[in-house]
Amino acid sequence: VECGYKSAQDGKTVDGNPLIVAGKTFERGVGSHSPGRLVVRLPETGSVRFITEVGIADETNGQGHMEFLAFADGQLVWRSGFMKGKEAAKVCELDLTGKSTLLLELETGTEGYAHDHAVYGDARFEVSAEGADDLAIVRPLFVGADGKIYDETADPQTLEAAREFLSLTQQIAAGPTSDYVAKDARDPASTILK
């Protein structure tokens, strides 16, 4: 996870407040900040959908200016357009069937990154029954300083950088119609099931 201010949060904003966009509260989701990005490896079988509502957290009091982008296998598949504080959340629904990776990116507006408190409200993956056998493939990836994408098979020093990502991806990948399994980078023999 790359987060432009503080760190990405499970179920709250980067400042630790509830996930609220234009008065709408999200009980689950992820709070982050631009510039930032999050990368996830997807199941190789069955159908996979990613659904979320994005916007700028109300804690900015109407400030902030940023754009949410989504890339599947390196190709741009969705963009919110630049959003401002107090603007209603926008729905992002993606069919990722047959895709290997999803990159969620936050782009800063021309005013700089101040107050770009991003919300991925009710973020979830929906996986078909055929993909259920392949859930172990839904696992975190991250982009290294060299621009390459790495996963939990990387060297131990690289894995340390992925620890925060594992926690965040567990939240974003868990949805009402799917389970999630990932290896904990600190202990390759362990699994997390949600």
C-alpha atoms as a PDB file:
ATOM      1  CA  VAL A   1       0.000   0.000   0.000  1.00  0.00           C
ATOM      2  CA  GLU A   2       1.177   3.441  -0.810  1.00  0.00           C
ATOM      3  CA  CYS A   3      -0.586   6.185   1.138  1.00  0.00           C
ATOM      4  CA  GLY A   4       0.246   9.884   0.733  1.00  0.00           C
ATOM      5  CA  TYR A   5      -0.464  10.805   4.379  1.00  0.00           C
ATOM      6  CA  LYS A   6      -0.376   8.683   7.523  1.00  0.00           C
ATOM      7  CA  SER A   7      -1.423   5.104   6.654  1.00  0.00           C
ATOM      8  CA  ALA A   8      -4.385   3.357   5.036  1.00  0.00           C
ATOM      9  CA  GLN A   9      -6.992   2.225   7.567  1.00  0.00           C
ATOM     10  CA  ASP A  10      -9.431  -0.672   7.820  1.00  0.00           C
ATOM     11  CA  GLY A  11     -12.949   0.648   8.481  1.00  0.00           C
ATOM     12  CA  LYS A  12     -11.948   4.249   9.194  1.00  0.00           C
ATOM     13  CA  THR A  13     -10.332   7.279   7.602  1.00  0.00           C
ATOM     14  CA  VAL A  14      -6.631   8.085   7.722  1.00  0.00           C
ATOM     15  CA  ASP A  15      -7.421  10.294  10.735  1.00  0.00           C
ATOM     16  CA  GLY A  16      -9.239   7.422  12.470  1.00  0.00           C
ATOM     17  CA  ASN A  17     -12.785   8.718  11.983  1.00  0.00           C
ATOM     18  CA  PRO A  18     -15.861   6.928  10.557  1.00  0.00           C
ATOM     19  CA  LEU A  19     -16.025   6.510   6.779  1.00  0.00           C
ATOM     20  CA  ILE A  20     -18.513   9.247   5.797  1.00  0.00           C
ATOM     21  CA  VAL A  21     -18.862  10.781   2.321  1.00  0.00           C
ATOM     22  CA  ALA A  22     -21.387  13.609   1.745  1.00  0.00           C
ATOM     23  CA  GLY A  23     -23.285  12.522   4.861  1.00  0.00           C
ATOM     24  CA  LYS A  24     -23.432   8.838   3.891  1.00  0.00           C
ATOM     25  CA  THR A  25     -21.817   6.518   6.448  1.00  0.00           C
ATOM     26  CA  PHE A  26     -20.097   3.292   5.397  1.00  0.00           C
ATOM     27  CA  GLU A  27     -19.835   0.664   8.120  1.00  0.00           C
ATOM     28  CA  ARG A  28     -17.008  -1.103   6.266  1.00  0.00           C
ATOM     29  CA  GLY A  29     -14.385  -0.117   3.771  1.00  0.00           C
ATOM     30  CA  VAL A  30     -10.953   1.440   3.586  1.00  0.00           C
ATOM     31  CA  GLY A  31      -9.637   4.931   4.244  1.00  0.00           C
ATOM     32  CA  SER A  32      -6.553   6.105   2.377  1.00  0.00           C
ATOM     33  CA  HIS A  33      -4.970   9.287   1.000  1.00  0.00           C
ATOM     34  CA  SER A  34      -3.616  10.459  -2.331  1.00  0.00           C
ATOM     35  CA  PRO A  35      -1.210   9.934  -3.873  1.00  0.00           C
ATOM     36  CA  GLY A  36      -1.639   6.250  -3.215  1.00  0.00           C
ATOM     37  CA  ARG A  37      -2.245   2.812  -4.621  1.00  0.00           C
ATOM     38  CA  LEU A  38      -3.309  -0.649  -3.642  1.00  0.00           C
ATOM     39  CA  VAL A  39      -2.730  -3.780  -5.745  1.00  0.00           C
ATOM     40  CA  VAL A  40      -4.511  -7.133  -5.414  1.00  0.00           C
ATOM     41  CA  ARG A  41      -3.951 -10.462  -7.208  1.00  0.00           C
ATOM     42  CA  LEU A  42      -7.267 -12.009  -8.298  1.00  0.00           C
ATOM     43  CA  PRO A  43      -8.557 -15.612  -8.491  1.00  0.00           C
ATOM     44  CA  GLU A  44      -7.702 -17.354 -11.730  1.00  0.00           C
ATOM     45  CA  THR A  45     -11.025 -19.213 -12.091  1.00  0.00           C
ATOM     46  CA  GLY A  46     -14.700 -18.300 -11.876  1.00  0.00           C
ATOM     47  CA  SER A  47     -16.181 -14.836 -12.038  1.00  0.00           C
ATOM     48  CA  VAL A  48     -14.862 -11.966  -9.938  1.00  0.00           C
ATOM     49  CA  ARG A  49     -16.467  -8.581  -9.343  1.00  0.00           C
ATOM     50  CA  PHE A  50     -15.173  -5.611  -7.336  1.00  0.00           C
ATOM     51  CA  ILE A  51     -17.700  -3.142  -5.961  1.00  0.00           C
ATOM     52  CA  THR A  52     -17.192   0.012  -3.904  1.00  0.00           C
ATOM     53  CA  GLU A  53     -18.391   3.596  -3.473  1.00  0.00           C
ATOM     54  CA  VAL A  54     -15.622   6.189  -3.551  1.00  0.00           C
ATOM     55  CA  GLY A  55     -15.331   9.765  -2.384  1.00  0.00           C
ATOM     56  CA  ILE A  56     -13.570  12.252  -0.122  1.00  0.00           C
ATOM     57  CA  ALA A  57     -14.177  11.880   3.618  1.00  0.00           C
ATOM     58  CA  ASP A  58     -16.398  14.479   5.282  1.00  0.00           C
ATOM     59  CA  GLU A  59     -13.702  15.049   7.920  1.00  0.00           C
ATOM     60  CA  THR A  60     -12.041  17.416   5.397  1.00  0.00           C
ATOM     61  CA  ASN A  61     -14.966  19.875   5.739  1.00  0.00           C
ATOM     62  CA  GLY A  62     -15.444  20.083   1.981  1.00  0.00           C
ATOM     63  CA  GLN A  63     -11.773  20.343   1.110  1.00  0.00           C
ATOM     64  CA  GLY A  64      -9.767  17.959  -1.063  1.00  0.00           C
ATOM     65  CA  HIS A  65      -9.572  17.354  -4.801  1.00  0.00           C
ATOM     66  CA  MET A  66      -8.578  13.972  -6.220  1.00  0.00           C
ATOM     67  CA  GLU A  67      -9.393  11.184  -8.649  1.00  0.00           C
ATOM     68  CA  PHE A  68      -9.930   7.450  -8.105  1.00  0.00           C
ATOM     69  CA  LEU A  69      -8.661   5.122 -10.847  1.00  0.00           C
ATOM     70  CA  ALA A  70      -8.826   1.347 -11.348  1.00  0.00           C
ATOM     71  CA  PHE A  71      -6.542  -0.718 -13.585  1.00  0.00           C
ATOM     72  CA  ALA A  72      -7.028  -4.408 -14.444  1.00  0.00           C
ATOM     73  CA  ASP A  73      -3.867  -6.115 -15.705  1.00  0.00           C
ATOM     74  CA  GLY A  74      -2.347  -2.685 -16.300  1.00  0.00           C
ATOM     75  CA  GLN A  75      -5.257  -1.326 -18.364  1.00  0.00           C
ATOM     76  CA  LEU A  76      -7.409   1.564 -17.129  1.00  0.00           C
ATOM     77  CA  VAL A  77     -10.932   0.178 -16.603  1.00  0.00           C
ATOM     78  CA  TRP A  78     -12.573   2.889 -14.475  1.00  0.00           C
ATOM     79  CA  ARG A  79     -12.051   6.433 -13.299  1.00  0.00           C
ATOM     80  CA  SER A  80     -14.171   8.634 -11.095  1.00  0.00           C
ATOM     81  CA  GLY A  81     -13.176  11.931 -12.655  1.00  0.00           C
ATOM     82  CA  PHE A  82     -11.757  14.501 -10.247  1.00  0.00           C
ATOM     83  CA  MET A  83     -13.874  14.748  -7.121  1.00  0.00           C
ATOM     84  CA  LYS A  84     -14.104  17.443  -4.451  1.00  0.00           C
ATOM     85  CA  GLY A  85     -15.016  17.313  -0.785  1.00  0.00           C
ATOM     86  CA  LYS A  86     -18.775  17.081   0.004  1.00  0.00           C
ATOM     87  CA  GLU A  87     -19.395  15.513  -3.432  1.00  0.00           C
ATOM     88  CA  ALA A  88     -21.610  12.401  -3.300  1.00  0.00           C
ATOM     89  CA  ALA A  89     -19.836   9.046  -3.475  1.00  0.00           C
ATOM     90  CA  LYS A  90     -19.523   7.444  -6.905  1.00  0.00           C
ATOM     91  CA  VAL A  91     -20.187   3.748  -7.481  1.00  0.00           C
ATOM     92  CA  CYS A  92     -17.413   1.657  -8.986  1.00  0.00           C
ATOM     93  CA  GLU A  93     -18.525  -1.785 -10.230  1.00  0.00           C
ATOM     94  CA  LEU A  94     -15.987  -3.854 -12.137  1.00  0.00           C
ATOM     95  CA  ASP A  95     -16.224  -7.266 -13.756  1.00  0.00           C
ATOM     96  CA  LEU A  96     -12.697  -8.641 -13.309  1.00  0.00           C
ATOM     97  CA  THR A  97     -13.359 -12.142 -14.609  1.00  0.00           C
ATOM     98  CA  GLY A  98     -10.248 -13.472 -16.325  1.00  0.00           C
ATOM     99  CA  LYS A  99      -8.041 -10.677 -14.968  1.00  0.00           C
ATOM    100  CA  SER A 100      -4.938 -11.301 -12.829  1.00  0.00           C
ATOM    101  CA  THR A 101      -4.463  -8.020 -10.947  1.00  0.00           C
ATOM    102  CA  LEU A 102      -6.440  -5.008  -9.797  1.00  0.00           C
ATOM    103  CA  LEU A 103      -4.644  -1.736  -9.072  1.00  0.00           C
ATOM    104  CA  LEU A 104      -6.581   0.983  -7.250  1.00  0.00           C
ATOM    105  CA  GLU A 105      -4.841   4.324  -7.598  1.00  0.00           C
ATOM    106  CA  LEU A 106      -5.457   7.753  -6.072  1.00  0.00           C
ATOM    107  CA  GLU A 107      -4.358  10.774  -8.096  1.00  0.00           C
ATOM    108  CA  THR A 108      -3.804  14.182  -6.524  1.00  0.00           C
ATOM    109  CA  GLY A 109      -5.516  17.269  -7.910  1.00  0.00           C
ATOM    110  CA  THR A 110      -3.717  20.417  -9.049  1.00  0.00           C
ATOM    111  CA  GLU A 111      -3.918  21.975  -5.567  1.00  0.00           C
ATOM    112  CA  GLY A 112      -1.661  19.306  -4.071  1.00  0.00           C
ATOM    113  CA  TYR A 113      -2.506  16.406  -1.805  1.00  0.00           C
ATOM    114  CA  ALA A 114      -3.726  18.278   1.281  1.00  0.00           C
ATOM    115  CA  HIS A 115      -7.110  16.983   2.505  1.00  0.00           C
ATOM    116  CA  ASP A 116      -7.286  14.168  -0.089  1.00  0.00           C
ATOM    117  CA  HIS A 117      -8.794  11.736   2.455  1.00  0.00           C
ATOM    118  CA  ALA A 118     -10.023   8.903   0.224  1.00  0.00           C
ATOM    119  CA  VAL A 119     -12.854   6.532   1.135  1.00  0.00           C
ATOM    120  CA  TYR A 120     -13.514   3.149  -0.481  1.00  0.00           C
ATOM    121  CA  GLY A 121     -16.937   2.586   1.077  1.00  0.00           C
ATOM    122  CA  ASP A 122     -18.351  -0.942   1.354  1.00  0.00           C
ATOM    123  CA  ALA A 123     -15.402  -2.184  -0.741  1.00  0.00           C
ATOM    124  CA  ARG A 124     -15.739  -5.874  -1.557  1.00  0.00           C
ATOM    125  CA  PHE A 125     -14.982  -8.653  -4.011  1.00  0.00           C
ATOM    126  CA  GLU A 126     -17.736 -11.012  -5.127  1.00  0.00           C
ATOM    127  CA  VAL A 127     -16.443 -14.386  -6.302  1.00  0.00           C
ATOM    128  CA  SER A 128     -18.524 -17.098  -8.013  1.00  0.00           C
ATOM    129  CA  ALA A 129     -18.673 -20.674  -6.727  1.00  0.00           C
ATOM    130  CA  GLU A 130     -16.210 -21.707  -9.451  1.00  0.00           C
ATOM    131  CA  GLY A 131     -13.713 -19.200  -8.087  1.00  0.00           C
ATOM    132  CA  ALA A 132     -14.197 -20.327  -4.490  1.00  0.00           C
ATOM    133  CA  ASP A 133     -11.677 -23.135  -4.955  1.00  0.00           C
ATOM    134  CA  ASP A 134      -9.180 -20.546  -6.125  1.00  0.00           C
ATOM    135  CA  LEU A 135      -9.630 -18.046  -3.273  1.00  0.00           C
ATOM    136  CA  ALA A 136      -6.050 -18.507  -2.110  1.00  0.00           C
ATOM    137  CA  ILE A 137      -5.034 -16.648  -5.262  1.00  0.00           C
ATOM    138  CA  VAL A 138      -6.733 -13.462  -3.978  1.00  0.00           C
ATOM    139  CA  ARG A 139      -3.711 -12.105  -2.198  1.00  0.00           C
ATOM    140  CA  PRO A 140      -1.931  -8.839  -1.763  1.00  0.00           C
ATOM    141  CA  LEU A 141       0.631  -7.474  -4.130  1.00  0.00           C
ATOM    142  CA  PHE A 142       2.573  -4.273  -3.942  1.00  0.00           C
ATOM    143  CA  VAL A 143       4.641  -2.134  -6.216  1.00  0.00           C
ATOM    144  CA  GLY A 144       8.300  -1.967  -5.238  1.00  0.00           C
ATOM    145  CA  ALA A 145      10.555   1.071  -5.545  1.00  0.00           C
ATOM    146  CA  ASP A 146      11.734  -0.415  -8.842  1.00  0.00           C
ATOM    147  CA  GLY A 147       8.172  -0.280 -10.242  1.00  0.00           C
ATOM    148  CA  LYS A 148       7.796  -4.085 -10.329  1.00  0.00           C
ATOM    149  CA  ILE A 149       4.863  -5.895  -8.680  1.00  0.00           C
ATOM    150  CA  TYR A 150       5.745  -8.243  -5.803  1.00  0.00           C
ATOM    151  CA  ASP A 151       3.776 -10.693  -3.658  1.00  0.00           C
ATOM    152  CA  GLU A 152       4.415 -12.686  -0.476  1.00  0.00           C
ATOM    153  CA  THR A 153       6.983 -14.907  -2.197  1.00  0.00           C
ATOM    154  CA  ALA A 154       9.458 -12.018  -2.258  1.00  0.00           C
ATOM    155  CA  ASP A 155      12.513 -11.851   0.011  1.00  0.00           C
ATOM    156  CA  PRO A 156      12.020 -11.156   3.777  1.00  0.00           C
ATOM    157  CA  GLN A 157      13.083  -7.508   3.564  1.00  0.00           C
ATOM    158  CA  THR A 158      10.549  -6.913   0.814  1.00  0.00           C
ATOM    159  CA  LEU A 159       7.899  -8.743   2.834  1.00  0.00           C
ATOM    160  CA  GLU A 160       8.284  -6.331   5.741  1.00  0.00           C
ATOM    161  CA  ALA A 161       7.101  -3.572   3.425  1.00  0.00           C
ATOM    162  CA  ALA A 162       4.017  -5.665   2.596  1.00  0.00           C
ATOM    163  CA  ARG A 163       2.806  -6.184   6.192  1.00  0.00           C
ATOM    164  CA  GLU A 164       0.477  -3.178   6.179  1.00  0.00           C
ATOM    165  CA  PHE A 165      -0.769  -4.182   2.742  1.00  0.00           C
ATOM    166  CA  LEU A 166      -1.799  -7.646   3.944  1.00  0.00           C
ATOM    167  CA  SER A 167      -4.055  -6.179   6.609  1.00  0.00           C
ATOM    168  CA  LEU A 168      -5.662  -3.688   4.246  1.00  0.00           C
ATOM    169  CA  THR A 169      -6.201  -6.178   1.445  1.00  0.00           C
ATOM    170  CA  GLN A 170      -7.879  -8.579   3.847  1.00  0.00           C
ATOM    171  CA  GLN A 171     -10.520  -5.924   4.537  1.00  0.00           C
ATOM    172  CA  ILE A 172     -10.996  -4.814   0.952  1.00  0.00           C
ATOM    173  CA  ALA A 173     -11.202  -8.372  -0.366  1.00  0.00           C
ATOM    174  CA  ALA A 174     -13.742  -9.598   2.181  1.00  0.00           C
ATOM    175  CA  GLY A 175     -17.312  -9.274   0.992  1.00  0.00           C
ATOM    176  CA  PRO A 176     -20.726 -10.654   1.893  1.00  0.00           C
ATOM    177  CA  THR A 177     -20.619 -13.208  -0.931  1.00  0.00           C
ATOM    178  CA  SER A 178     -16.981 -14.197  -0.719  1.00  0.00           C
ATOM    179  CA  ASP A 179     -14.365 -15.573   1.633  1.00  0.00           C
ATOM    180  CA  TYR A 180     -10.749 -14.527   1.651  1.00  0.00           C
ATOM    181  CA  VAL A 181      -7.577 -16.479   2.253  1.00  0.00           C
ATOM    182  CA  ALA A 182      -4.117 -14.950   2.277  1.00  0.00           C
ATOM    183  CA  LYS A 183      -0.722 -15.883   3.553  1.00  0.00           C
ATOM    184  CA  ASP A 184       0.665 -13.689   6.310  1.00  0.00           C
ATOM    185  CA  ALA A 185       4.018 -12.385   5.071  1.00  0.00           C
ATOM    186  CA  ARG A 186       5.548 -12.724   8.531  1.00  0.00           C
ATOM    187  CA  ASP A 187       4.739 -16.464   8.641  1.00  0.00           C
ATOM    188  CA  PRO A 188       4.422 -18.098   5.187  1.00  0.00           C
ATOM    189  CA  ALA A 189       2.952 -21.248   6.748  1.00  0.00           C
ATOM    190  CA  SER A 190      -0.013 -19.363   8.241  1.00  0.00           C
ATOM    191  CA  THR A 191      -3.241 -18.353   6.541  1.00  0.00           C
ATOM    192  CA  ILE A 192      -5.863 -15.760   7.314  1.00  0.00           C
ATOM    193  CA  LEU A 193      -9.454 -16.721   6.559  1.00  0.00           C
ATOM    194  CA  LYS A 194     -12.227 -14.190   6.667  1.00  0.00           C
END
